[in-house]
Structure formats: C-alpha cells, structure tokens
Amino acid sequence: MVFVELTDQRIVGFPANRFRRLRDASDSELAEVRLEVGGTALRWESLDEDLTVEGVVAGRFQLPPGRG
C-alpha cells in the first residue's frame, strides 16, 4: 500500500499492485517517492513512474484488483 496525506489532512491509500511499474516494487523502492509539480504528482525515479494525486484519489488505476 502507498499512503498520501492530502493538504486537508486526509490520508488516502492505494494498492501499489494496481500500477504496472509499482506492482513488483519492494517496500524500499516504494518509499523512494517524491512529490513534484507543486505537490500534485508522485514520482518514483528508480521505477520511472509518475502518478497524479488527483488520479489516485479518483481511483484511476491501470490494473484491476487482484493482478500482480
């Protein structure tokens, strides 16, 4: 699971296995996330993955539940 704390203090979590490049990542690789674009994007440099906070909150995932 990846958790993001929003500016309104809500914490949103999503399963990493819903994204192709995150599903096989180790916990330490997932922990290497950076906020970018004024806090609106998540960036994993070593995994070459970028996600928008808006997309995650809206539930726009690449893969259906149970894969990976």
Protein backbone atom coordinates (compact mmCIF):
# COMPACT_ATOMS: atom_id res chain seq x y z
CA MET A 1 0.00 0.00 0.00
CA VAL A 2 1.04 3.55 -0.71
CA PHE A 3 -0.36 6.30 1.50
CA VAL A 4 -0.57 10.01 0.67
CA GLU A 5 -1.50 12.72 3.15
CA LEU A 6 -3.51 15.46 1.44
CA THR A 7 -3.40 19.15 2.33
CA ASP A 8 -6.77 18.83 4.10
CA GLN A 9 -5.23 16.21 6.44
CA ARG A 10 -6.99 13.21 4.82
CA ILE A 11 -4.83 10.16 4.22
CA VAL A 12 -5.54 8.26 1.03
CA GLY A 13 -4.10 4.80 0.44
CA PHE A 14 -3.95 2.74 -2.71
CA PRO A 15 -2.54 -0.70 -3.52
CA ALA A 16 0.72 -0.49 -5.45
CA ASN A 17 -0.24 -3.59 -7.45
CA ARG A 18 -2.83 -1.54 -9.33
CA PHE A 19 0.01 0.05 -11.36
CA ARG A 20 2.31 -1.88 -13.71
CA ARG A 21 5.57 -0.30 -12.63
CA LEU A 22 4.77 -0.35 -8.92
CA ARG A 23 3.32 -3.85 -8.55
CA ASP A 24 6.68 -5.65 -8.26
CA ALA A 25 8.49 -2.88 -6.38
CA SER A 26 9.96 -3.55 -2.96
CA ASP A 27 8.84 -1.59 0.09
CA SER A 28 12.11 0.35 0.00
CA GLU A 29 11.58 1.24 -3.68
CA LEU A 30 8.02 2.39 -2.96
CA ALA A 31 9.31 4.54 -0.10
CA GLU A 32 11.52 6.50 -2.53
CA VAL A 33 8.57 8.54 -3.80
CA ARG A 34 8.84 12.32 -4.25
CA LEU A 35 6.15 14.94 -4.55
CA GLU A 36 6.51 17.03 -7.69
CA VAL A 37 4.63 19.64 -9.74
CA GLY A 38 3.65 21.67 -6.70
CA GLY A 39 2.54 18.60 -4.75
CA THR A 40 0.16 17.34 -7.44
CA ALA A 41 2.25 14.42 -8.71
CA LEU A 42 4.03 11.40 -7.24
CA ARG A 43 7.39 10.46 -8.79
CA TRP A 44 9.40 7.24 -8.38
CA GLU A 45 12.66 7.99 -10.19
CA SER A 46 14.14 4.48 -9.91
CA LEU A 47 10.90 2.92 -11.20
CA ASP A 48 10.32 5.62 -13.86
CA GLU A 49 6.72 6.08 -12.67
CA ASP A 50 4.65 9.24 -12.33
CA LEU A 51 1.12 9.40 -10.94
CA THR A 52 -1.12 12.35 -10.30
CA VAL A 53 -2.56 12.76 -6.82
CA GLU A 54 -5.88 13.62 -8.46
CA GLY A 55 -5.88 10.34 -10.41
CA VAL A 56 -5.12 8.26 -7.33
CA VAL A 57 -7.83 9.99 -5.27
CA ALA A 58 -10.30 9.46 -8.13
CA GLY A 59 -9.40 5.76 -8.29
CA ARG A 60 -7.95 5.82 -11.81
CA PHE A 61 -5.77 2.73 -11.73
CA GLN A 62 -4.05 0.87 -14.59
CA LEU A 63 -4.86 -2.65 -13.45
CA PRO A 64 -7.97 -4.30 -12.00
CA PRO A 65 -7.92 -5.63 -8.41
CA GLY A 66 -6.17 -8.92 -7.81
CA ARG A 67 -3.48 -8.70 -10.53
CA GLY A 68 0.22 -8.67 -9.95
